[in-house]
Structure formats: C-alpha cells, structure tokens
Amino acid sequence: MENKSGTKISLLGSISLGTGVMIGAGIFVLMGQIAELVGALFPLAFLGGAVVVGFSAYSYVKLSNAYPSSGGVATFLRRAYGPGTIAGTFSLLMYVSMVIAESLVARTFGSYTLRLFGSDTAAILVPILGVLLIVVAYIVNISGNKTIERAANLTAVIKIGGITVLALAGLAVAGFPSIGDWGDANEGVASGGGFSFIAALALSILAFKGFTTITNQGGDIVNPHKNLGRSIILSILICSAMYTILALSVASSLSVEEIVVAKDYALAAAAKPIFGEWGLFLTVALAIVATVSGVIASIYSASRMLAMLSNMKQLPRLYKGVSNPALVLTVVFAITLTVLFDLTRIASIGAIFYLVMDISIHWGLLRHLLKEAKAKPLIPICAILLDVVILGAFIQLKVANDPLVVVVALIGFVVILIAQRLFMITHTDDQGVMHMAMKDTMEKGGDTTMNDDSDMPEGMDMD
C-alpha cells in the first residue's frame, strides 16, 4: 500500500506495533493454561516457545524481504502455491486463527475486568463483557485509520512499560523462584512429563504469533526489503525476554496450584499478594489496555485480510449492501466464538489452526520459493518438524482430555477446504483453467503489489 501522506513507518515504529500486538491478551491468560499442563516448568515453556518461533520466523523473514506487501501471509501463500484452493484454504485458516485470537482477547477482557469487583461467580458476565468490547472495537474501526494507528502506538508503550515494571518489581519483592521445585508433581496439573511439555508449547507459541502481523506492513515501512525482517527478529527477542521475566515473577508469587485455580486471571492473582490492591488494580488496568488495543488491531487486520481474499477471488464477492462488509462479518464471527467457547477451548482451537497454517508457509517456501527468497532449506525443515511434533502431541492431549476441541477444529478445516474447492469451480472453465485475475484497483487500503500478477499465469489448473 502506498502511503498517501508521504510518511512511512520507521523500524522503531514497526517494532512498537509488532510488540504491541504480540504482548496482548495471550500472555495474560496463557500463563495459567500452560501451568495447568506443565506445572512449575511453565517459565521454561515460554522459552521453548520462543525457540520454536525463532525457527518459524526464518521463513517469514525471508518471504517478507523477498515479497514485501500489505498482503502478508496471503501473499506468501499465493506466491508459493499459486491462486486456488490450497492458497485460499490456508489463508482462511490464518484469517480464522486471527478471529479466534480476537475472541480469546475479548473473553480475557471480561475475566480481568471482573477482578475489579472481586467477582468469581458471575461467569455469564465474561462473554457479555467480551461482546461489548468487540462492539466498541467495531466503532473505533469505522472511525478511521488515524485513530487506530495512534491508539496502537500509545497502548504499545503502556503495555510494554507496565508489564516490564510489574515483572521486575515482582522479582525484586518475592525473589527468584526455587528451581529445585520445578520437577515436582502438583495438584490439578496434568501428568505426562515431557509429552505434556511438548504439547504446552502449542499454547506458548500463541503468545508470539502476533509477529505475523508485521508481514502486513510491507506497503508502509521504510526500506521494507530489510526492515520487515529486522522488525520480526527484534520483536520476538523483546517479547521472549519479557515473557520469561514475567513468568518467573508469577512463579515466585504464587504456587502452581494457585496459578491453576486463577488460570483465567493469573497475573492479577500474582500481583495481589505482593502489591496488595494497588497491584491488582495495576494488573487489571494493563490487561484492559492490552485487550482493548488488541481487539481493535486484530479486527482491523482480520477484516482487511478478508476483503483482500475476496478481491483475490479466493472468496465470493462480499455483500455491498452494508458499509465495510468484511469488518461486519469479522465482528459477527468474533462475537459468535466469544459466546460459544471458553478461554481454554478458544486458545486450543487457535493453536491448532495456526500450527497447520505455519506448516503450509514453511512447506511453500521449501518446495517453491527457496531460490527467489534466497533461503536455505535446513531451517524450514526444522521448523516443519517442530510444528508437526508439537501439533501431534497437542492433538493427542486434547483427544484424551477435551476431544470437542479436536472435533471442532477438524470440522472447521474440512468446511473451509470444501467451501474453497466448490468456490474455485465457479470460475474454472471447461479446460480446467482457473481464472483468478483480480480487479485493477484494490479497495482503499489494499495491497498494490498484489495487483501485479505478471509473475503469475493468467489461469491455473484447479488445485
């Protein structure tokens, strides 16, 4: 996207936006869920997730440097697989995982907001507050891009600064947690040793997945062929350090059993015994800032991606009878998920969809774009192996403990795949050639690089 104002996002600004998205509601709620799986080892799970994401980021860095655009993941998939069923299916998985993240953030907002009132029983209020947040985010999104950008920059500073102060203060007051207890069994914690730890990495990865939104800055950032990759790497390093310090701070303040009991609001529970009511208030305030800004930014990005996929003819043309139909559909979808699923299930389904999509990115680079992206094969191969092992362990764990998550995820994937296949048939001619030429002009805010399909064949055989 060409910036009409003549200004571009600097590398520092890109890192601020990227970390602002990454340090969202996930870290506020995932701490307790991961502790429920691995006990006192949960700080190491965040480090393990950072290592896995480090391997994964290589593909996104190389692809961003080679094909900087506002299309991000959808651009990479289109380049790798060509327009058609495969690119559309995995692009939609990314879109769905983004909407799932919005629902996770929205329910986290409800859980933390209720801490201000000491409410433990009004569970019905959690989805209600989440829905209200999504509605507010919709209103902000229709108010204009400048409002969204300024809010994102301001809240990123508040989140990073506030969480860092909270974590360091917690360690200073409570001290470093005892490493000798990390292998002990805990009540309410799943048993399974290394297997549970591997499965838990699927959730810790969710705390980092926001780095993929940096790939959508290609049309706006200064020197995109270099700065996109730098921004991804630096954002992951910053978040890795912050998550680890924060996890150690929580481990020093609460027992594992206490963290599991308060898993939907673990950080608020950890702050209270050290800092009293002021600590609780600070944590809840940070959570509210993180969730509000996270939902606003995520709805913006997801709706843009949906509109772009429609323009790419990977989806039917969106109904023009309402203003910004992609935004409306995204908000309705997010509200539905917020009402139907609790935090644990939302996070689990999101982890499955994200890992499947991530594998498709690495495979696409490995099979089709190594030369163009100037990438080496070893790291994408390692990333695929890590994703497959973690996804396999996580699915096996859920089959044993909560099979509904796997069933919903499988049904969702099959529905997306079949819908994509059937839609592709509607613009495939008698010779099996798929006509995917896009409109000459993307809707406002679209990706100009995606209009140039000179490197793509005019028609492609059906996937």
Protein backbone atom coordinates (compact mmCIF):
# COMPACT_ATOMS: atom_id res chain seq x y z
CA MET A 1 0.00 0.00 0.00
CA GLU A 2 1.42 3.36 -0.97
CA ASN A 3 1.28 5.78 1.88
CA LYS A 4 -0.65 8.80 0.57
CA SER A 5 0.60 11.13 3.29
CA GLY A 6 4.21 10.65 2.22
CA THR A 7 5.20 9.25 5.62
CA LYS A 8 6.46 5.76 6.28
CA ILE A 9 6.67 3.57 9.35
CA SER A 10 10.19 3.53 10.77
CA LEU A 11 11.89 0.37 12.01
CA LEU A 12 11.30 1.52 15.59
CA GLY A 13 7.65 2.21 14.80
CA SER A 14 7.29 -1.23 13.23
CA ILE A 15 8.78 -2.90 16.31
CA SER A 16 6.44 -0.87 18.50
CA LEU A 17 3.41 -2.01 16.51
CA GLY A 18 4.62 -5.62 16.32
CA THR A 19 5.36 -6.00 20.02
CA GLY A 20 2.14 -4.14 20.79
CA VAL A 21 0.17 -6.86 19.00
CA MET A 22 2.28 -9.70 20.42
CA ILE A 23 2.06 -8.50 24.02
CA GLY A 24 -1.67 -8.77 24.04
CA ALA A 25 -4.17 -10.75 25.98
CA GLY A 26 -2.42 -14.05 25.32
CA ILE A 27 0.22 -13.52 27.97
CA PHE A 28 -2.46 -12.53 30.49
CA VAL A 29 -4.41 -15.77 30.12
CA LEU A 30 -1.99 -18.35 28.70
CA MET A 31 0.23 -18.34 31.79
CA GLY A 32 -2.37 -20.24 33.79
CA GLN A 33 -3.28 -22.63 30.99
CA ILE A 34 0.35 -23.58 30.39
CA ALA A 35 0.95 -24.02 34.13
CA GLU A 36 -2.02 -26.40 34.18
CA LEU A 37 -0.17 -28.61 31.68
CA VAL A 38 3.45 -28.46 32.89
CA GLY A 39 3.32 -27.24 36.48
CA ALA A 40 6.27 -25.21 37.74
CA LEU A 41 8.07 -25.67 34.43
CA PHE A 42 5.82 -23.10 32.76
CA PRO A 43 8.56 -20.39 32.57
CA LEU A 44 10.63 -22.84 30.51
CA ALA A 45 7.63 -23.44 28.25
CA PHE A 46 7.74 -19.79 27.21
CA LEU A 47 11.45 -20.11 26.46
CA GLY A 48 10.73 -23.27 24.47
CA GLY A 49 8.01 -21.47 22.55
CA ALA A 50 10.46 -18.67 21.76
CA VAL A 51 12.94 -21.19 20.32
CA VAL A 52 10.28 -22.78 18.11
CA VAL A 53 9.05 -19.37 16.94
CA GLY A 54 12.68 -18.46 16.20
CA PHE A 55 12.91 -21.31 13.70
CA SER A 56 9.49 -20.42 12.33
CA ALA A 57 10.34 -16.74 11.91
CA TYR A 58 13.10 -17.56 9.42
CA SER A 59 10.57 -18.34 6.69
CA TYR A 60 8.56 -15.19 7.37
CA VAL A 61 11.71 -13.04 7.39
CA LYS A 62 12.92 -14.42 4.07
CA LEU A 63 9.50 -14.17 2.43
CA SER A 64 8.92 -10.66 3.79
CA ASN A 65 12.27 -9.49 2.49
CA ALA A 66 11.57 -11.03 -0.92
CA TYR A 67 7.89 -10.07 -1.26
CA PRO A 68 7.12 -7.09 0.99
CA SER A 69 3.44 -6.20 0.73
CA SER A 70 0.33 -5.44 2.72
CA GLY A 71 -0.90 -8.95 1.90
CA GLY A 72 1.43 -10.67 4.36
CA VAL A 73 0.68 -14.36 4.77
CA ALA A 74 -1.88 -14.39 1.95
CA THR A 75 0.75 -13.01 -0.43
CA PHE A 76 3.26 -15.67 0.59
CA LEU A 77 0.75 -18.48 0.10
CA ARG A 78 -0.31 -17.14 -3.28
CA ARG A 79 3.32 -16.88 -4.38
CA ALA A 80 4.10 -20.39 -3.17
CA TYR A 81 1.03 -22.31 -4.32
CA GLY A 82 -0.48 -20.02 -6.93
CA PRO A 83 -4.09 -18.79 -6.75
CA GLY A 84 -6.54 -21.55 -5.99
CA THR A 85 -7.82 -23.98 -3.39
CA ILE A 86 -4.58 -24.51 -1.46
CA ALA A 87 -3.68 -20.84 -1.09
CA GLY A 88 -7.27 -19.96 -0.25
CA THR A 89 -7.68 -22.70 2.35
CA PHE A 90 -4.55 -21.87 4.32
CA SER A 91 -5.15 -18.12 4.00
CA LEU A 92 -8.58 -18.68 5.51
CA LEU A 93 -7.02 -20.74 8.32
CA MET A 94 -4.88 -17.71 9.10
CA TYR A 95 -7.95 -15.48 9.00
CA VAL A 96 -9.91 -17.79 11.29
CA SER A 97 -6.99 -18.01 13.73
CA MET A 98 -6.95 -14.19 13.82
CA VAL A 99 -10.67 -14.07 14.64
CA ILE A 100 -10.17 -16.78 17.27
CA ALA A 101 -7.46 -14.57 18.78
CA GLU A 102 -9.99 -11.72 18.93
CA SER A 103 -12.37 -13.95 20.88
CA LEU A 104 -9.58 -15.02 23.22
CA VAL A 105 -8.71 -11.37 23.83
CA ALA A 106 -12.36 -10.41 24.34
CA ARG A 107 -13.03 -13.08 26.95
CA THR A 108 -9.77 -12.22 28.69
CA PHE A 109 -11.03 -8.66 28.95
CA GLY A 110 -14.13 -9.96 30.69
CA SER A 111 -12.18 -12.19 33.08
CA TYR A 112 -9.79 -9.45 34.18
CA THR A 113 -12.39 -6.68 34.37
CA LEU A 114 -14.44 -8.76 36.82
CA ARG A 115 -11.39 -8.87 39.14
CA LEU A 116 -12.03 -5.21 39.92
CA PHE A 117 -15.30 -6.25 41.53
CA GLY A 118 -13.97 -9.40 43.16
CA SER A 119 -16.40 -11.48 41.14
CA ASP A 120 -15.78 -15.21 40.89
CA THR A 121 -19.30 -16.43 40.25
CA ALA A 122 -20.72 -14.19 37.52
CA ALA A 123 -19.31 -16.33 34.69
CA ILE A 124 -22.11 -15.21 32.37
CA LEU A 125 -20.69 -11.68 32.51
CA VAL A 126 -17.40 -12.77 30.87
CA PRO A 127 -18.83 -13.31 27.36
CA ILE A 128 -21.15 -10.32 27.77
CA LEU A 129 -18.21 -8.02 28.51
CA GLY A 130 -16.28 -9.64 25.67
CA VAL A 131 -19.09 -8.92 23.22
CA LEU A 132 -19.29 -5.31 24.41
CA LEU A 133 -15.56 -4.92 23.78
CA ILE A 134 -15.90 -6.25 20.24
CA VAL A 135 -18.72 -3.79 19.58
CA VAL A 136 -16.54 -0.92 20.85
CA ALA A 137 -13.68 -2.14 18.64
CA TYR A 138 -16.05 -2.08 15.67
CA ILE A 139 -16.99 1.53 16.41
CA VAL A 140 -13.32 2.52 16.65
CA ASN A 141 -12.53 0.73 13.39
CA ILE A 142 -15.17 2.63 11.45
CA SER A 143 -13.90 5.93 12.89
CA GLY A 144 -10.78 6.00 10.72
CA ASN A 145 -7.27 4.59 10.32
CA LYS A 146 -5.53 7.52 12.04
CA THR A 147 -7.43 6.87 15.26
CA ILE A 148 -6.48 3.19 15.13
CA GLU A 149 -2.78 3.91 14.48
CA ARG A 150 -2.44 6.47 17.28
CA ALA A 151 -4.20 4.19 19.75
CA ALA A 152 -1.90 1.30 18.80
CA ASN A 153 1.28 3.33 19.33
CA LEU A 154 0.16 4.72 22.68
CA THR A 155 -1.06 1.41 24.09
CA ALA A 156 2.09 -0.40 22.95
CA VAL A 157 4.19 1.89 25.16
CA ILE A 158 1.81 1.44 28.10
CA LYS A 159 1.74 -2.35 27.76
CA ILE A 160 5.49 -2.86 27.38
CA GLY A 161 6.41 -0.40 30.12
CA GLY A 162 3.73 -1.55 32.55
CA ILE A 163 4.37 -5.27 32.17
CA THR A 164 8.13 -4.80 32.48
CA VAL A 165 7.74 -2.79 35.71
CA LEU A 166 5.26 -5.34 37.08
CA ALA A 167 7.57 -8.29 36.33
CA LEU A 168 10.78 -6.72 37.67
CA ALA A 169 9.03 -5.41 40.77
CA GLY A 170 7.60 -8.86 41.44
CA LEU A 171 11.03 -10.48 41.25
CA ALA A 172 12.53 -7.75 43.44
CA VAL A 173 9.93 -8.25 46.17
CA ALA A 174 9.33 -12.02 46.05
CA GLY A 175 12.75 -13.14 44.84
CA PHE A 176 13.67 -15.73 42.23
CA PRO A 177 11.53 -18.91 42.27
CA SER A 178 13.13 -22.10 43.55
CA ILE A 179 14.35 -24.14 40.59
CA GLY A 180 14.54 -27.24 42.78
CA ASP A 181 10.74 -27.48 42.85
CA TRP A 182 10.27 -27.34 39.08
CA GLY A 183 10.05 -31.09 38.65
CA ASP A 184 7.61 -31.73 41.49
CA ALA A 185 4.08 -33.02 40.90
CA ASN A 186 1.31 -30.53 41.60
CA GLU A 187 -2.37 -30.90 42.31
CA GLY A 188 -4.55 -30.03 39.32
CA VAL A 189 -1.66 -30.30 36.87
CA ALA A 190 -1.73 -32.77 34.01
CA SER A 191 0.77 -35.61 34.28
CA GLY A 192 2.74 -36.67 31.26
CA GLY A 193 6.23 -35.30 31.74
CA GLY A 194 7.98 -34.39 28.53
CA PHE A 195 4.89 -35.15 26.45
CA SER A 196 2.81 -32.55 28.31
CA PHE A 197 5.65 -30.06 28.00
CA ILE A 198 5.78 -30.50 24.22
CA ALA A 199 2.02 -30.16 23.98
CA ALA A 200 2.13 -26.99 26.08
CA LEU A 201 4.45 -25.40 23.53
CA ALA A 202 1.43 -25.16 21.21
CA LEU A 203 -0.09 -22.66 23.64
CA SER A 204 3.12 -20.76 24.37
CA ILE A 205 3.54 -20.20 20.63
CA LEU A 206 0.23 -18.31 20.66
CA ALA A 207 1.87 -15.65 22.82
CA PHE A 208 4.27 -14.95 19.93
CA LYS A 209 2.05 -15.46 16.88
CA GLY A 210 1.34 -11.74 16.66
CA PHE A 211 4.69 -11.33 14.88
CA THR A 212 2.98 -12.49 11.68
CA THR A 213 1.08 -9.18 11.58
CA ILE A 214 4.39 -7.42 10.92
CA THR A 215 4.39 -9.03 7.47
CA ASN A 216 1.37 -6.85 6.62
CA GLN A 217 3.44 -3.66 6.97
CA GLY A 218 5.29 -4.20 3.69
CA GLY A 219 3.50 -1.38 1.89
CA ASP A 220 4.10 1.16 4.65
CA ILE A 221 7.51 0.56 6.23
CA VAL A 222 10.76 2.30 5.30
CA ASN A 223 13.13 0.01 3.34
CA PRO A 224 10.77 -2.99 3.53
CA HIS A 225 13.20 -5.48 1.97
CA LYS A 226 15.37 -5.19 5.09
CA ASN A 227 13.31 -3.66 7.86
CA LEU A 228 10.45 -6.19 7.82
CA GLY A 229 12.83 -8.99 8.70
CA ARG A 230 14.65 -6.89 11.29
CA SER A 231 11.37 -5.92 12.91
CA ILE A 232 10.23 -9.56 13.16
CA ILE A 233 13.50 -10.68 14.76
CA LEU A 234 13.78 -7.81 17.24
CA SER A 235 10.10 -8.05 18.24
CA ILE A 236 10.45 -11.75 19.02
CA LEU A 237 13.62 -11.15 21.07
CA ILE A 238 11.97 -8.37 23.09
CA CYS A 239 8.87 -10.45 23.80
CA SER A 240 10.92 -13.53 24.69
CA ALA A 241 12.77 -11.60 27.38
CA MET A 242 9.59 -10.00 28.73
CA TYR A 243 7.58 -13.25 28.83
CA THR A 244 10.35 -15.12 30.62
CA ILE A 245 10.80 -12.42 33.26
CA LEU A 246 7.04 -12.19 33.75
CA ALA A 247 6.65 -15.97 34.06
CA LEU A 248 9.42 -16.09 36.68
CA SER A 249 7.75 -13.26 38.57
CA VAL A 250 4.42 -15.12 38.66
CA ALA A 251 6.18 -18.35 39.71
CA SER A 252 7.82 -16.51 42.62
CA SER A 253 4.49 -15.05 43.82
CA LEU A 254 2.07 -17.97 43.56
CA SER A 255 2.19 -21.73 43.91
CA VAL A 256 1.31 -23.77 40.84
CA GLU A 257 -1.98 -24.79 42.44
CA GLU A 258 -2.89 -21.11 42.95
CA ILE A 259 -1.97 -20.28 39.36
CA VAL A 260 -4.15 -23.12 38.04
CA VAL A 261 -7.13 -22.06 40.15
CA ALA A 262 -6.81 -18.49 38.81
CA LYS A 263 -5.75 -19.55 35.33
CA ASP A 264 -8.02 -17.06 33.52
CA TYR A 265 -6.58 -14.14 35.50
CA ALA A 266 -3.24 -15.48 36.79
CA LEU A 267 -1.30 -12.22 36.55
CA ALA A 268 -3.87 -10.35 38.61
CA ALA A 269 -3.77 -13.08 41.25
CA ALA A 270 0.05 -12.95 41.32
CA ALA A 271 0.16 -9.18 41.80
CA LYS A 272 -2.23 -9.04 44.74
CA PRO A 273 -0.16 -10.82 47.45
CA ILE A 274 2.90 -8.71 46.66
CA PHE A 275 1.45 -5.27 45.96
CA GLY A 276 -1.99 -5.56 47.55
CA GLU A 277 -5.00 -3.93 45.96
CA TRP A 278 -2.81 -1.49 44.03
CA GLY A 279 -1.03 -4.40 42.34
CA LEU A 280 -4.35 -5.95 41.44
CA PHE A 281 -5.57 -2.63 40.05
CA LEU A 282 -2.38 -2.12 38.01
CA THR A 283 -2.53 -5.60 36.51
CA VAL A 284 -6.20 -5.34 35.62
CA ALA A 285 -5.61 -1.90 34.11
CA LEU A 286 -2.79 -3.27 31.97
CA ALA A 287 -4.94 -6.21 30.92
CA ILE A 288 -7.77 -3.90 29.92
CA VAL A 289 -5.40 -1.71 27.87
CA ALA A 290 -3.89 -4.80 26.25
CA THR A 291 -7.22 -6.39 25.44
CA VAL A 292 -8.90 -3.26 24.14
CA SER A 293 -5.99 -2.35 21.87
CA GLY A 294 -5.52 -5.97 20.85
CA VAL A 295 -9.12 -6.43 19.72
CA ILE A 296 -9.10 -3.13 17.82
CA ALA A 297 -5.88 -4.00 15.97
CA SER A 298 -6.84 -7.63 15.35
CA ILE A 299 -10.29 -6.82 13.96
CA TYR A 300 -8.69 -4.23 11.69
CA SER A 301 -6.10 -6.70 10.34
CA ALA A 302 -8.51 -9.63 10.01
CA SER A 303 -11.17 -7.62 8.19
CA ARG A 304 -8.56 -6.25 5.78
CA MET A 305 -7.38 -9.79 5.06
CA LEU A 306 -10.95 -10.98 4.42
CA ALA A 307 -11.57 -8.11 2.00
CA MET A 308 -8.31 -8.85 0.22
CA LEU A 309 -9.14 -12.55 -0.15
CA SER A 310 -12.46 -11.58 -1.72
CA ASN A 311 -10.65 -9.27 -4.13
CA MET A 312 -8.23 -12.10 -4.98
CA LYS A 313 -11.29 -14.21 -5.90
CA GLN A 314 -10.45 -16.70 -3.16
CA LEU A 315 -13.83 -15.83 -1.65
CA PRO A 316 -17.18 -14.73 -3.11
CA ARG A 317 -17.60 -11.03 -3.62
CA LEU A 318 -18.65 -9.51 -0.32
CA TYR A 319 -22.13 -8.05 0.01
CA LYS A 320 -22.03 -4.31 -0.73
CA GLY A 321 -25.34 -3.50 0.93
CA VAL A 322 -23.58 -2.58 4.17
CA SER A 323 -20.61 -0.34 4.82
CA ASN A 324 -17.37 -2.37 5.07
CA PRO A 325 -18.91 -5.85 4.84
CA ALA A 326 -15.59 -7.55 5.70
CA LEU A 327 -15.48 -5.69 9.01
CA VAL A 328 -19.09 -6.58 9.81
CA LEU A 329 -18.57 -10.27 9.02
CA THR A 330 -15.40 -10.37 11.11
CA VAL A 331 -17.15 -8.78 14.10
CA VAL A 332 -20.12 -11.16 13.86
CA PHE A 333 -17.78 -14.17 13.66
CA ALA A 334 -15.75 -12.97 16.66
CA ILE A 335 -18.91 -12.38 18.74
CA THR A 336 -20.17 -15.88 17.92
CA LEU A 337 -16.93 -17.52 19.09
CA THR A 338 -16.82 -15.36 22.21
CA VAL A 339 -20.29 -16.53 23.22
CA LEU A 340 -19.86 -20.22 22.36
CA PHE A 341 -16.40 -21.14 23.71
CA ASP A 342 -14.46 -20.60 26.91
CA LEU A 343 -10.87 -19.33 27.04
CA THR A 344 -9.21 -22.74 27.14
CA ARG A 345 -11.05 -24.05 24.08
CA ILE A 346 -10.62 -20.83 22.11
CA ALA A 347 -6.88 -20.90 22.72
CA SER A 348 -6.65 -24.60 21.81
CA ILE A 349 -8.53 -24.27 18.51
CA GLY A 350 -6.47 -21.20 17.64
CA ALA A 351 -3.23 -23.09 18.32
CA ILE A 352 -4.24 -25.97 16.04
CA PHE A 353 -5.24 -23.70 13.15
CA TYR A 354 -2.13 -21.56 13.50
CA LEU A 355 0.28 -24.51 13.52
CA VAL A 356 -1.36 -26.04 10.43
CA MET A 357 -1.10 -22.71 8.60
CA ASP A 358 2.51 -22.28 9.77
CA ILE A 359 3.47 -25.66 8.32
CA SER A 360 1.98 -24.62 4.97
CA ILE A 361 4.16 -21.47 4.94
CA HIS A 362 7.37 -23.43 5.56
CA TRP A 363 6.44 -26.10 3.03
CA GLY A 364 5.61 -23.48 0.41
CA LEU A 365 8.99 -21.81 0.91
CA LEU A 366 10.81 -25.14 0.89
CA ARG A 367 9.13 -26.53 -2.22
CA HIS A 368 8.61 -23.46 -4.38
CA LEU A 369 10.38 -20.29 -3.25
CA LEU A 370 13.83 -21.16 -1.87
CA LYS A 371 15.69 -19.58 -4.78
CA GLU A 372 13.54 -16.47 -5.04
CA ALA A 373 13.61 -15.87 -1.27
CA LYS A 374 17.36 -16.66 -1.05
CA ALA A 375 16.66 -19.12 1.76
CA LYS A 376 18.45 -22.24 2.95
CA PRO A 377 16.39 -25.44 3.29
CA LEU A 378 17.63 -26.65 6.69
CA ILE A 379 15.79 -24.16 8.90
CA PRO A 380 12.36 -24.54 7.21
CA ILE A 381 12.77 -28.31 7.50
CA CYS A 382 13.50 -27.96 11.24
CA ALA A 383 10.51 -25.61 11.61
CA ILE A 384 8.19 -28.15 9.94
CA LEU A 385 9.45 -30.98 12.14
CA LEU A 386 9.00 -28.91 15.30
CA ASP A 387 5.48 -27.87 14.28
CA VAL A 388 4.47 -31.43 13.43
CA VAL A 389 5.78 -32.84 16.72
CA ILE A 390 4.13 -30.10 18.81
CA LEU A 391 0.85 -30.27 16.88
CA GLY A 392 0.76 -34.06 17.16
CA ALA A 393 1.39 -34.00 20.92
CA PHE A 394 -1.18 -31.25 21.46
CA ILE A 395 -3.88 -33.03 19.45
CA GLN A 396 -3.22 -36.29 21.27
CA LEU A 397 -3.51 -34.48 24.61
CA LYS A 398 -6.80 -32.87 23.59
CA VAL A 399 -8.22 -36.13 22.27
CA ALA A 400 -7.65 -37.58 25.72
CA ASN A 401 -8.84 -34.59 27.78
CA ASP A 402 -11.12 -32.46 25.61
CA PRO A 403 -11.99 -34.15 22.30
CA LEU A 404 -14.53 -31.45 21.40
CA VAL A 405 -11.62 -29.11 20.59
CA VAL A 406 -10.23 -31.55 18.02
CA VAL A 407 -13.66 -32.25 16.56
CA VAL A 408 -14.44 -28.54 16.12
CA ALA A 409 -11.01 -27.86 14.62
CA LEU A 410 -11.34 -30.77 12.18
CA ILE A 411 -14.85 -29.77 11.13
CA GLY A 412 -13.68 -26.19 10.67
CA PHE A 413 -10.78 -27.23 8.45
CA VAL A 414 -12.92 -29.57 6.33
CA VAL A 415 -15.63 -26.92 5.88
CA ILE A 416 -13.05 -24.34 4.76
CA LEU A 417 -11.42 -26.81 2.36
CA ILE A 418 -14.68 -27.95 0.77
CA ALA A 419 -16.03 -24.40 0.52
CA GLN A 420 -12.84 -23.25 -1.19
CA ARG A 421 -12.93 -26.16 -3.62
CA LEU A 422 -16.55 -25.57 -4.56
CA PHE A 423 -16.00 -21.85 -4.98
CA MET A 424 -12.98 -22.40 -7.22
CA ILE A 425 -15.21 -24.45 -9.52
CA THR A 426 -17.38 -21.40 -10.13
CA HIS A 427 -14.58 -19.66 -12.04
CA THR A 428 -12.90 -22.64 -13.67
CA ASP A 429 -13.53 -23.11 -17.41
CA ASP A 430 -14.14 -26.34 -19.34
CA GLN A 431 -10.40 -26.83 -19.84
CA GLY A 432 -9.80 -26.80 -16.09
CA VAL A 433 -8.18 -23.36 -16.15
CA MET A 434 -8.96 -21.20 -13.14
CA HIS A 435 -9.44 -17.51 -13.95
CA MET A 436 -8.15 -15.61 -10.96
CA ALA A 437 -7.34 -12.18 -12.40
CA MET A 438 -8.09 -9.55 -9.80
CA LYS A 439 -9.70 -6.17 -10.14
CA ASP A 440 -7.37 -3.44 -11.33
CA THR A 441 -7.84 -1.43 -8.15
CA MET A 442 -7.91 -2.86 -4.68
CA GLU A 443 -10.34 -1.30 -2.30
CA LYS A 444 -8.89 1.54 -0.27
CA GLY A 445 -6.07 0.32 1.95
CA GLY A 446 -5.39 -2.72 -0.23
CA ASP A 447 -2.10 -4.12 -1.35
CA THR A 448 -0.87 -2.63 -4.59
CA THR A 449 1.75 -5.31 -5.01
CA MET A 450 -0.95 -7.92 -5.24
CA ASN A 451 -2.39 -6.24 -8.33
CA ASP A 452 0.70 -7.10 -10.32
CA ASP A 453 0.34 -10.72 -11.28
CA SER A 454 2.93 -10.53 -14.04
CA ASP A 455 4.76 -13.41 -12.41
CA MET A 456 1.58 -15.46 -12.23
CA PRO A 457 -0.02 -17.33 -15.11
CA GLU A 458 -3.31 -15.90 -16.30
CA GLY A 459 -5.07 -19.12 -15.41
CA MET A 460 -4.10 -22.00 -13.22
CA ASP A 461 -5.25 -25.59 -13.16
CA MET A 462 -7.52 -26.41 -10.27
CA ASP A 463 -5.62 -27.45 -7.14
